[in-house]
PDB file of all heavy atoms in Angstrom:
ATOM      1  N   ILE A   1     -35.329 -42.222-167.239  1.00  0.00           N
ATOM      2  CA  ILE A   1     -34.529 -41.306-168.041  1.00  0.00           C
ATOM      3  C   ILE A   1     -35.283 -40.857-169.294  1.00  0.00           C
ATOM      4  O   ILE A   1     -35.106 -39.724-169.769  1.00  0.00           O
ATOM      5  CB  ILE A   1     -33.162 -41.941-168.415  1.00  0.00           C
ATOM      6  CG1 ILE A   1     -32.229 -40.900-169.054  1.00  0.00           C
ATOM      7  CG2 ILE A   1     -33.358 -43.148-169.299  1.00  0.00           C
ATOM      8  CD1 ILE A   1     -31.877 -39.740-168.157  1.00  0.00           C
ATOM      9  N   ASP A   2     -36.148 -41.710-169.835  1.00  0.00           N
ATOM     10  CA  ASP A   2     -36.930 -41.324-171.013  1.00  0.00           C
ATOM     11  C   ASP A   2     -37.858 -40.156-170.707  1.00  0.00           C
ATOM     12  O   ASP A   2     -38.091 -39.287-171.560  1.00  0.00           O
ATOM     13  CB  ASP A   2     -37.734 -42.515-171.536  1.00  0.00           C
ATOM     14  CG  ASP A   2     -36.858 -43.543-172.234  1.00  0.00           C
ATOM     15  OD1 ASP A   2     -35.918 -43.123-172.937  1.00  0.00           O
ATOM     16  OD2 ASP A   2     -37.110 -44.749-172.076  1.00  0.00           O
ATOM     17  N   ASP A   3     -38.393 -40.120-169.492  1.00  0.00           N
ATOM     18  CA  ASP A   3     -39.259 -39.011-169.097  1.00  0.00           C
ATOM     19  C   ASP A   3     -38.480 -37.702-169.042  1.00  0.00           C
ATOM     20  O   ASP A   3     -38.982 -36.650-169.459  1.00  0.00           O
ATOM     21  CB  ASP A   3     -39.905 -39.297-167.736  1.00  0.00           C
ATOM     22  CG  ASP A   3     -40.849 -40.479-167.789  1.00  0.00           C
ATOM     23  OD1 ASP A   3     -41.737 -40.484-168.665  1.00  0.00           O
ATOM     24  OD2 ASP A   3     -40.684 -41.408-166.986  1.00  0.00           O
ATOM     25  N   LEU A   4     -37.272 -37.764-168.518  1.00  0.00           N
ATOM     26  CA  LEU A   4     -36.442 -36.567-168.471  1.00  0.00           C
ATOM     27  C   LEU A   4     -36.140 -36.062-169.879  1.00  0.00           C
ATOM     28  O   LEU A   4     -36.195 -34.865-170.149  1.00  0.00           O
ATOM     29  CB  LEU A   4     -35.134 -36.856-167.734  1.00  0.00           C
ATOM     30  CG  LEU A   4     -35.218 -37.147-166.235  1.00  0.00           C
ATOM     31  CD1 LEU A   4     -33.829 -37.433-165.680  1.00  0.00           C
ATOM     32  CD2 LEU A   4     -35.856 -36.001-165.479  1.00  0.00           C
ATOM     33  N   ILE A   5     -35.814 -36.995-170.755  1.00  0.00           N
ATOM     34  CA  ILE A   5     -35.475 -36.623-172.138  1.00  0.00           C
ATOM     35  C   ILE A   5     -36.691 -36.050-172.857  1.00  0.00           C
ATOM     36  O   ILE A   5     -36.582 -35.077-173.620  1.00  0.00           O
ATOM     37  CB  ILE A   5     -34.914 -37.845-172.902  1.00  0.00           C
ATOM     38  CG1 ILE A   5     -33.583 -38.277-172.293  1.00  0.00           C
ATOM     39  CG2 ILE A   5     -34.739 -37.524-174.385  1.00  0.00           C
ATOM     40  CD1 ILE A   5     -33.078 -39.612-172.815  1.00  0.00           C
ATOM     41  N   ASN A   6     -37.861 -36.616-172.625  1.00  0.00           N
ATOM     42  CA  ASN A   6     -39.078 -36.129-173.283  1.00  0.00           C
ATOM     43  C   ASN A   6     -39.397 -34.694-172.893  1.00  0.00           C
ATOM     44  O   ASN A   6     -39.960 -33.931-173.690  1.00  0.00           O
ATOM     45  CB  ASN A   6     -40.256 -37.040-172.939  1.00  0.00           C
ATOM     46  CG  ASN A   6     -40.170 -38.382-173.634  1.00  0.00           C
ATOM     47  OD1 ASN A   6     -39.484 -38.521-174.648  1.00  0.00           O
ATOM     48  ND2 ASN A   6     -40.843 -39.384-173.079  1.00  0.00           N
ATOM     49  N   ARG A   7     -39.033 -34.310-171.666  1.00  0.00           N
ATOM     50  CA  ARG A   7     -39.308 -32.956-171.182  1.00  0.00           C
ATOM     51  C   ARG A   7     -38.198 -31.972-171.524  1.00  0.00           C
ATOM     52  O   ARG A   7     -38.430 -30.771-171.621  1.00  0.00           O
ATOM     53  CB  ARG A   7     -39.514 -32.985-169.665  1.00  0.00           C
ATOM     54  CG  ARG A   7     -40.694 -33.803-169.214  1.00  0.00           C
ATOM     55  CD  ARG A   7     -42.009 -33.162-169.627  1.00  0.00           C
ATOM     56  NE  ARG A   7     -43.141 -33.920-169.148  1.00  0.00           N
ATOM     57  CZ  ARG A   7     -44.398 -33.562-169.287  1.00  0.00           C
ATOM     58  NH1 ARG A   7     -44.688 -32.446-169.907  1.00  0.00           N
ATOM     59  NH2 ARG A   7     -45.374 -34.326-168.843  1.00  0.00           N
ATOM     60  N   ASP A   8     -36.984 -32.483-171.677  1.00  0.00           N
ATOM     61  CA  ASP A   8     -35.835 -31.617-171.966  1.00  0.00           C
ATOM     62  C   ASP A   8     -34.899 -32.365-172.907  1.00  0.00           C
ATOM     63  O   ASP A   8     -34.122 -33.213-172.477  1.00  0.00           O
ATOM     64  CB  ASP A   8     -35.118 -31.241-170.666  1.00  0.00           C
ATOM     65  CG  ASP A   8     -33.993 -30.249-170.889  1.00  0.00           C
ATOM     66  OD1 ASP A   8     -33.623 -30.008-172.054  1.00  0.00           O
ATOM     67  OD2 ASP A   8     -33.468 -29.703-169.895  1.00  0.00           O
ATOM     68  N   LYS A   9     -34.981 -32.059-174.183  1.00  0.00           N
ATOM     69  CA  LYS A   9     -34.218 -32.787-175.198  1.00  0.00           C
ATOM     70  C   LYS A   9     -32.713 -32.634-175.026  1.00  0.00           C
ATOM     71  O   LYS A   9     -31.949 -33.447-175.548  1.00  0.00           O
ATOM     72  CB  LYS A   9     -34.616 -32.301-176.604  1.00  0.00           C
ATOM     73  CG  LYS A   9     -36.082 -32.473-176.936  1.00  0.00           C
ATOM     74  CD  LYS A   9     -36.515 -33.934-176.848  1.00  0.00           C
ATOM     75  CE  LYS A   9     -37.994 -34.092-177.212  1.00  0.00           C
ATOM     76  NZ  LYS A   9     -38.462 -35.487-177.056  1.00  0.00           N
ATOM     77  N   ASP A  10     -32.290 -31.615-174.294  1.00  0.00           N
ATOM     78  CA  ASP A  10     -30.854 -31.351-174.141  1.00  0.00           C
ATOM     79  C   ASP A  10     -30.307 -31.866-172.814  1.00  0.00           C
ATOM     80  O   ASP A  10     -29.154 -31.626-172.478  1.00  0.00           O
ATOM     81  CB  ASP A  10     -30.598 -29.844-174.257  1.00  0.00           C
ATOM     82  CG  ASP A  10     -29.123 -29.522-174.488  1.00  0.00           C
ATOM     83  OD1 ASP A  10     -28.475 -30.242-175.286  1.00  0.00           O
ATOM     84  OD2 ASP A  10     -28.612 -28.585-173.854  1.00  0.00           O
ATOM     85  N   ILE A  11     -31.117 -32.586-172.059  1.00  0.00           N
ATOM     86  CA  ILE A  11     -30.700 -32.936-170.702  1.00  0.00           C
ATOM     87  C   ILE A  11     -29.498 -33.881-170.672  1.00  0.00           C
ATOM     88  O   ILE A  11     -28.648 -33.791-169.793  1.00  0.00           O
ATOM     89  CB  ILE A  11     -31.876 -33.518-169.888  1.00  0.00           C
ATOM     90  CG1 ILE A  11     -31.498 -33.525-168.392  1.00  0.00           C
ATOM     91  CG2 ILE A  11     -32.235 -34.914-170.373  1.00  0.00           C
ATOM     92  CD1 ILE A  11     -32.659 -33.767-167.480  1.00  0.00           C
ATOM     93  N   LEU A  12     -29.385 -34.787-171.632  1.00  0.00           N
ATOM     94  CA  LEU A  12     -28.235 -35.700-171.647  1.00  0.00           C
ATOM     95  C   LEU A  12     -26.934 -34.928-171.835  1.00  0.00           C
ATOM     96  O   LEU A  12     -25.915 -35.262-171.220  1.00  0.00           O
ATOM     97  CB  LEU A  12     -28.397 -36.751-172.742  1.00  0.00           C
ATOM     98  CG  LEU A  12     -29.471 -37.819-172.507  1.00  0.00           C
ATOM     99  CD1 LEU A  12     -29.569 -38.746-173.709  1.00  0.00           C
ATOM    100  CD2 LEU A  12     -29.172 -38.623-171.242  1.00  0.00           C
ATOM    101  N   ASN A  13     -26.961 -33.906-172.678  1.00  0.00           N
ATOM    102  CA  ASN A  13     -25.767 -33.073-172.859  1.00  0.00           C
ATOM    103  C   ASN A  13     -25.421 -32.335-171.578  1.00  0.00           C
ATOM    104  O   ASN A  13     -24.243 -32.214-171.214  1.00  0.00           O
ATOM    105  CB  ASN A  13     -25.986 -32.069-174.001  1.00  0.00           C
ATOM    106  CG  ASN A  13     -25.964 -32.733-175.360  1.00  0.00           C
ATOM    107  OD1 ASN A  13     -25.233 -33.698-175.585  1.00  0.00           O
ATOM    108  ND2 ASN A  13     -26.772 -32.236-176.285  1.00  0.00           N
ATOM    109  N   LYS A  14     -26.431 -31.836-170.884  1.00  0.00           N
ATOM    110  CA  LYS A  14     -26.196 -31.134-169.619  1.00  0.00           C
ATOM    111  C   LYS A  14     -25.587 -32.069-168.578  1.00  0.00           C
ATOM    112  O   LYS A  14     -24.637 -31.711-167.876  1.00  0.00           O
ATOM    113  CB  LYS A  14     -27.505 -30.552-169.093  1.00  0.00           C
ATOM    114  CG  LYS A  14     -28.105 -29.465-169.971  1.00  0.00           C
ATOM    115  CD  LYS A  14     -29.457 -29.023-169.426  1.00  0.00           C
ATOM    116  CE  LYS A  14     -30.110 -27.981-170.322  1.00  0.00           C
ATOM    117  NZ  LYS A  14     -31.456 -27.597-169.824  1.00  0.00           N
ATOM    118  N   LEU A  15     -26.127 -33.274-168.490  1.00  0.00           N
ATOM    119  CA  LEU A  15     -25.609 -34.251-167.533  1.00  0.00           C
ATOM    120  C   LEU A  15     -24.178 -34.646-167.881  1.00  0.00           C
ATOM    121  O   LEU A  15     -23.327 -34.805-166.993  1.00  0.00           O
ATOM    122  CB  LEU A  15     -26.507 -35.494-167.516  1.00  0.00           C
ATOM    123  CG  LEU A  15     -27.948 -35.292-167.041  1.00  0.00           C
ATOM    124  CD1 LEU A  15     -28.739 -36.586-167.178  1.00  0.00           C
ATOM    125  CD2 LEU A  15     -27.985 -34.798-165.597  1.00  0.00           C
ATOM    126  N   SER A  16     -23.900 -34.802-169.164  1.00  0.00           N
ATOM    127  CA  SER A  16     -22.567 -35.192-169.609  1.00  0.00           C
ATOM    128  C   SER A  16     -21.540 -34.106-169.305  1.00  0.00           C
ATOM    129  O   SER A  16     -20.463 -34.388-168.770  1.00  0.00           O
ATOM    130  CB  SER A  16     -22.588 -35.486-171.114  1.00  0.00           C
ATOM    131  OG  SER A  16     -21.287 -35.786-171.590  1.00  0.00           O
ATOM    132  N   ILE A  17     -21.860 -32.866-169.625  1.00  0.00           N
ATOM    133  CA  ILE A  17     -20.925 -31.752-169.400  1.00  0.00           C
ATOM    134  C   ILE A  17     -20.623 -31.601-167.914  1.00  0.00           C
ATOM    135  O   ILE A  17     -19.462 -31.467-167.508  1.00  0.00           O
ATOM    136  CB  ILE A  17     -21.497 -30.448-169.978  1.00  0.00           C
ATOM    137  CG1 ILE A  17     -21.527 -30.518-171.510  1.00  0.00           C
ATOM    138  CG2 ILE A  17     -20.673 -29.245-169.520  1.00  0.00           C
ATOM    139  CD1 ILE A  17     -22.299 -29.390-172.156  1.00  0.00           C
ATOM    140  N   TYR A  18     -21.662 -31.649-167.092  1.00  0.00           N
ATOM    141  CA  TYR A  18     -21.460 -31.497-165.642  1.00  0.00           C
ATOM    142  C   TYR A  18     -20.621 -32.642-165.092  1.00  0.00           C
ATOM    143  O   TYR A  18     -19.687 -32.420-164.307  1.00  0.00           O
ATOM    144  CB  TYR A  18     -22.807 -31.447-164.925  1.00  0.00           C
ATOM    145  CG  TYR A  18     -22.689 -31.077-163.459  1.00  0.00           C
ATOM    146  CD1 TYR A  18     -22.860 -29.771-163.037  1.00  0.00           C
ATOM    147  CD2 TYR A  18     -22.401 -32.051-162.496  1.00  0.00           C
ATOM    148  CE1 TYR A  18     -22.757 -29.426-161.700  1.00  0.00           C
ATOM    149  CE2 TYR A  18     -22.282 -31.720-161.163  1.00  0.00           C
ATOM    150  CZ  TYR A  18     -22.465 -30.408-160.767  1.00  0.00           C
ATOM    151  OH  TYR A  18     -22.339 -30.076-159.435  1.00  0.00           O
ATOM    152  N   SER A  19     -20.924 -33.870-165.500  1.00  0.00           N
ATOM    153  CA  SER A  19     -20.209 -35.041-164.992  1.00  0.00           C
ATOM    154  C   SER A  19     -18.730 -34.976-165.358  1.00  0.00           C
ATOM    155  O   SER A  19     -17.857 -35.240-164.519  1.00  0.00           O
ATOM    156  CB  SER A  19     -20.829 -36.324-165.556  1.00  0.00           C
ATOM    157  OG  SER A  19     -22.181 -36.445-165.182  1.00  0.00           O
ATOM    158  N   ARG A  20     -18.439 -34.631-166.581  1.00  0.00           N
ATOM    159  CA  ARG A  20     -17.039 -34.575-167.025  1.00  0.00           C
ATOM    160  C   ARG A  20     -16.261 -33.486-166.297  1.00  0.00           C
ATOM    161  O   ARG A  20     -15.102 -33.686-165.913  1.00  0.00           O
ATOM    162  CB  ARG A  20     -16.985 -34.365-168.535  1.00  0.00           C
ATOM    163  CG  ARG A  20     -17.396 -35.610-169.310  1.00  0.00           C
ATOM    164  CD  ARG A  20     -17.373 -35.400-170.813  1.00  0.00           C
ATOM    165  NE  ARG A  20     -17.654 -36.662-171.512  1.00  0.00           N
ATOM    166  CZ  ARG A  20     -17.709 -36.790-172.824  1.00  0.00           C
ATOM    167  NH1 ARG A  20     -17.506 -35.735-173.604  1.00  0.00           N
ATOM    168  NH2 ARG A  20     -17.958 -37.962-173.373  1.00  0.00           N
ATOM    169  N   GLU A  21     -16.885 -32.345-166.100  1.00  0.00           N
ATOM    170  CA  GLU A  21     -16.217 -31.272-165.359  1.00  0.00           C
ATOM    171  C   GLU A  21     -15.963 -31.697-163.913  1.00  0.00           C
ATOM    172  O   GLU A  21     -14.897 -31.427-163.350  1.00  0.00           O
ATOM    173  CB  GLU A  21     -17.061 -30.005-165.401  1.00  0.00           C
ATOM    174  CG  GLU A  21     -17.096 -29.331-166.764  1.00  0.00           C
ATOM    175  CD  GLU A  21     -17.951 -28.079-166.766  1.00  0.00           C
ATOM    176  OE1 GLU A  21     -18.643 -27.814-165.751  1.00  0.00           O
ATOM    177  OE2 GLU A  21     -17.948 -27.374-167.792  1.00  0.00           O
ATOM    178  N   TYR A  22     -16.936 -32.375-163.337  1.00  0.00           N
ATOM    179  CA  TYR A  22     -16.814 -32.818-161.943  1.00  0.00           C
ATOM    180  C   TYR A  22     -15.675 -33.832-161.791  1.00  0.00           C
ATOM    181  O   TYR A  22     -14.810 -33.680-160.919  1.00  0.00           O
ATOM    182  CB  TYR A  22     -18.139 -33.438-161.490  1.00  0.00           C
ATOM    183  CG  TYR A  22     -18.131 -33.967-160.080  1.00  0.00           C
ATOM    184  CD1 TYR A  22     -18.459 -33.144-159.017  1.00  0.00           C
ATOM    185  CD2 TYR A  22     -17.798 -35.300-159.814  1.00  0.00           C
ATOM    186  CE1 TYR A  22     -18.452 -33.630-157.711  1.00  0.00           C
ATOM    187  CE2 TYR A  22     -17.778 -35.791-158.529  1.00  0.00           C
ATOM    188  CZ  TYR A  22     -18.115 -34.951-157.477  1.00  0.00           C
ATOM    189  OH  TYR A  22     -18.094 -35.438-156.196  1.00  0.00           O
ATOM    190  N   PHE A  23     -15.649 -34.849-162.613  1.00  0.00           N
ATOM    191  CA  PHE A  23     -14.635 -35.895-162.485  1.00  0.00           C
ATOM    192  C   PHE A  23     -13.255 -35.421-162.936  1.00  0.00           C
ATOM    193  O   PHE A  23     -12.239 -35.918-162.439  1.00  0.00           O
ATOM    194  CB  PHE A  23     -15.051 -37.136-163.274  1.00  0.00           C
ATOM    195  CG  PHE A  23     -16.228 -37.865-162.690  1.00  0.00           C
ATOM    196  CD1 PHE A  23     -17.363 -38.101-163.453  1.00  0.00           C
ATOM    197  CD2 PHE A  23     -16.214 -38.293-161.369  1.00  0.00           C
ATOM    198  CE1 PHE A  23     -18.446 -38.767-162.913  1.00  0.00           C
ATOM    199  CE2 PHE A  23     -17.300 -38.957-160.813  1.00  0.00           C
ATOM    200  CZ  PHE A  23     -18.426 -39.189-161.589  1.00  0.00           C
ATOM    201  N   SER A  24     -13.200 -34.484-163.835  1.00  0.00           N
ATOM    202  CA  SER A  24     -11.907 -33.975-164.306  1.00  0.00           C
ATOM    203  C   SER A  24     -11.149 -33.259-163.192  1.00  0.00           C
ATOM    204  O   SER A  24      -9.923 -33.128-163.247  1.00  0.00           O
ATOM    205  CB  SER A  24     -12.111 -33.023-165.494  1.00  0.00           C
ATOM    206  OG  SER A  24     -12.564 -33.734-166.624  1.00  0.00           O
ATOM    207  N   ASN A  25     -11.858 -32.814-162.169  1.00  0.00           N
ATOM    208  CA  ASN A  25     -11.224 -32.147-161.030  1.00  0.00           C
ATOM    209  C   ASN A  25     -10.749 -33.130-159.962  1.00  0.00           C
ATOM    210  O   ASN A  25     -10.217 -32.717-158.931  1.00  0.00           O
ATOM    211  CB  ASN A  25     -12.196 -31.140-160.397  1.00  0.00           C
ATOM    212  CG  ASN A  25     -12.459 -29.956-161.303  1.00  0.00           C
ATOM    213  OD1 ASN A  25     -11.547 -29.485-161.984  1.00  0.00           O
ATOM    214  ND2 ASN A  25     -13.688 -29.475-161.328  1.00  0.00           N
ATOM    215  N   ASN A  26     -10.951 -34.418-160.216  1.00  0.00           N
ATOM    216  CA  ASN A  26     -10.527 -35.467-159.291  1.00  0.00           C
ATOM    217  C   ASN A  26      -9.198 -36.044-159.779  1.00  0.00           C
ATOM    218  O   ASN A  26      -9.084 -36.506-160.907  1.00  0.00           O
ATOM    219  CB  ASN A  26     -11.594 -36.563-159.224  1.00  0.00           C
ATOM    220  CG  ASN A  26     -11.337 -37.581-158.146  1.00  0.00           C
ATOM    221  OD1 ASN A  26     -10.189 -37.939-157.875  1.00  0.00           O
ATOM    222  ND2 ASN A  26     -12.401 -38.076-157.523  1.00  0.00           N
ATOM    223  N   ASP A  27      -8.181 -36.018-158.915  1.00  0.00           N
ATOM    224  CA  ASP A  27      -6.829 -36.463-159.304  1.00  0.00           C
ATOM    225  C   ASP A  27      -6.801 -37.918-159.756  1.00  0.00           C
ATOM    226  O   ASP A  27      -5.895 -38.328-160.502  1.00  0.00           O
ATOM    227  CB  ASP A  27      -5.853 -36.266-158.144  1.00  0.00           C
ATOM    228  CG  ASP A  27      -5.575 -34.798-157.867  1.00  0.00           C
ATOM    229  OD1 ASP A  27      -5.828 -33.978-158.777  1.00  0.00           O
ATOM    230  OD2 ASP A  27      -5.118 -34.476-156.760  1.00  0.00           O
ATOM    231  N   MET A  28      -7.750 -38.718-159.298  1.00  0.00           N
ATOM    232  CA  MET A  28      -7.762 -40.135-159.668  1.00  0.00           C
ATOM    233  C   MET A  28      -7.994 -40.344-161.161  1.00  0.00           C
ATOM    234  O   MET A  28      -7.715 -41.409-161.696  1.00  0.00           O
ATOM    235  CB  MET A  28      -8.815 -40.893-158.853  1.00  0.00           C
ATOM    236  CG  MET A  28      -8.436 -41.077-157.393  1.00  0.00           C
ATOM    237  SD  MET A  28      -9.537 -42.213-156.502  1.00  0.00           S
ATOM    238  CE  MET A  28     -11.058 -41.302-156.524  1.00  0.00           C
ATOM    239  N   PHE A  29      -8.498 -39.312-161.835  1.00  0.00           N
ATOM    240  CA  PHE A  29      -8.771 -39.429-163.259  1.00  0.00           C
ATOM    241  C   PHE A  29      -7.659 -38.805-164.108  1.00  0.00           C
ATOM    242  O   PHE A  29      -7.837 -38.594-165.307  1.00  0.00           O
ATOM    243  CB  PHE A  29     -10.123 -38.792-163.592  1.00  0.00           C
ATOM    244  CG  PHE A  29     -11.289 -39.541-163.009  1.00  0.00           C
ATOM    245  CD1 PHE A  29     -11.782 -39.212-161.759  1.00  0.00           C
ATOM    246  CD2 PHE A  29     -11.864 -40.598-163.692  1.00  0.00           C
ATOM    247  CE1 PHE A  29     -12.847 -39.908-161.207  1.00  0.00           C
ATOM    248  CE2 PHE A  29     -12.931 -41.301-163.149  1.00  0.00           C
ATOM    249  CZ  PHE A  29     -13.422 -40.965-161.896  1.00  0.00           C
ATOM    250  N   ASN A  30      -6.513 -38.539-163.472  1.00  0.00           N
ATOM    251  CA  ASN A  30      -5.370 -38.000-164.213  1.00  0.00           C
ATOM    252  C   ASN A  30      -4.734 -39.049-165.117  1.00  0.00           C
ATOM    253  O   ASN A  30      -4.147 -38.725-166.150  1.00  0.00           O
ATOM    254  CB  ASN A  30      -4.318 -37.430-163.257  1.00  0.00           C
ATOM    255  CG  ASN A  30      -4.786 -36.125-162.617  1.00  0.00           C
ATOM    256  OD1 ASN A  30      -5.698 -35.471-163.120  1.00  0.00           O
ATOM    257  ND2 ASN A  30      -4.174 -35.744-161.510  1.00  0.00           N
ATOM    258  N   ASP A  31      -4.825 -40.311-164.683  1.00  0.00           N
ATOM    259  CA  ASP A  31      -4.288 -41.400-165.499  1.00  0.00           C
ATOM    260  C   ASP A  31      -5.059 -41.466-166.821  1.00  0.00           C
ATOM    261  O   ASP A  31      -6.290 -41.417-166.834  1.00  0.00           O
ATOM    262  CB  ASP A  31      -4.420 -42.721-164.743  1.00  0.00           C
ATOM    263  CG  ASP A  31      -3.898 -43.898-165.542  1.00  0.00           C
ATOM    264  OD1 ASP A  31      -2.706 -44.177-165.453  1.00  0.00           O
ATOM    265  OD2 ASP A  31      -4.702 -44.531-166.255  1.00  0.00           O
ATOM    266  N   LYS A  32      -4.325 -41.571-167.934  1.00  0.00           N
ATOM    267  CA  LYS A  32      -4.966 -41.507-169.253  1.00  0.00           C
ATOM    268  C   LYS A  32      -5.985 -42.619-169.467  1.00  0.00           C
ATOM    269  O   LYS A  32      -7.060 -42.389-170.024  1.00  0.00           O
ATOM    270  CB  LYS A  32      -3.912 -41.549-170.364  1.00  0.00           C
ATOM    271  CG  LYS A  32      -4.506 -41.334-171.756  1.00  0.00           C
ATOM    272  CD  LYS A  32      -3.470 -41.373-172.838  1.00  0.00           C
ATOM    273  CE  LYS A  32      -4.079 -41.030-174.196  1.00  0.00           C
ATOM    274  NZ  LYS A  32      -5.263 -41.842-174.527  1.00  0.00           N
ATOM    275  N   VAL A  33      -5.642 -43.836-169.026  1.00  0.00           N
ATOM    276  CA  VAL A  33      -6.566 -44.964-169.213  1.00  0.00           C
ATOM    277  C   VAL A  33      -7.863 -44.713-168.459  1.00  0.00           C
ATOM    278  O   VAL A  33      -8.967 -44.903-168.987  1.00  0.00           O
ATOM    279  CB  VAL A  33      -5.917 -46.279-168.754  1.00  0.00           C
ATOM    280  CG1 VAL A  33      -6.939 -47.420-168.791  1.00  0.00           C
ATOM    281  CG2 VAL A  33      -4.713 -46.624-169.625  1.00  0.00           C
ATOM    282  N   VAL A  34      -7.734 -44.266-167.213  1.00  0.00           N
ATOM    283  CA  VAL A  34      -8.913 -43.999-166.396  1.00  0.00           C
ATOM    284  C   VAL A  34      -9.688 -42.805-166.952  1.00  0.00           C
ATOM    285  O   VAL A  34     -10.926 -42.815-167.000  1.00  0.00           O
ATOM    286  CB  VAL A  34      -8.510 -43.743-164.923  1.00  0.00           C
ATOM    287  CG1 VAL A  34      -9.744 -43.489-164.068  1.00  0.00           C
ATOM    288  CG2 VAL A  34      -7.731 -44.928-164.375  1.00  0.00           C
ATOM    289  N   PHE A  35      -8.960 -41.788-167.387  1.00  0.00           N
ATOM    290  CA  PHE A  35      -9.611 -40.608-167.964  1.00  0.00           C
ATOM    291  C   PHE A  35     -10.423 -40.989-169.203  1.00  0.00           C
ATOM    292  O   PHE A  35     -11.560 -40.532-169.377  1.00  0.00           O
ATOM    293  CB  PHE A  35      -8.554 -39.553-168.327  1.00  0.00           C
ATOM    294  CG  PHE A  35      -9.135 -38.299-168.911  1.00  0.00           C
ATOM    295  CD1 PHE A  35      -9.672 -37.324-168.082  1.00  0.00           C
ATOM    296  CD2 PHE A  35      -9.161 -38.095-170.282  1.00  0.00           C
ATOM    297  CE1 PHE A  35     -10.224 -36.150-168.616  1.00  0.00           C
ATOM    298  CE2 PHE A  35      -9.710 -36.935-170.831  1.00  0.00           C
ATOM    299  CZ  PHE A  35     -10.227 -35.963-169.985  1.00  0.00           C
ATOM    300  N   ASP A  36      -9.857 -41.837-170.045  1.00  0.00           N
ATOM    301  CA  ASP A  36     -10.567 -42.270-171.251  1.00  0.00           C
ATOM    302  C   ASP A  36     -11.820 -43.069-170.895  1.00  0.00           C
ATOM    303  O   ASP A  36     -12.858 -42.952-171.576  1.00  0.00           O
ATOM    304  CB  ASP A  36      -9.650 -43.119-172.137  1.00  0.00           C
ATOM    305  CG  ASP A  36      -8.566 -42.286-172.815  1.00  0.00           C
ATOM    306  OD1 ASP A  36      -8.700 -41.053-172.841  1.00  0.00           O
ATOM    307  OD2 ASP A  36      -7.577 -42.876-173.299  1.00  0.00           O
TER     308      ASP A  36
END
């Protein structure tokens, strides 16, 4: 992961945004505890 970050300083933000959008569309994450 350090190599990815060294080449693209914004990559963690990109991974985070994509992951959250992906999981937010899954009904299993509707529960507040699980969503948090």
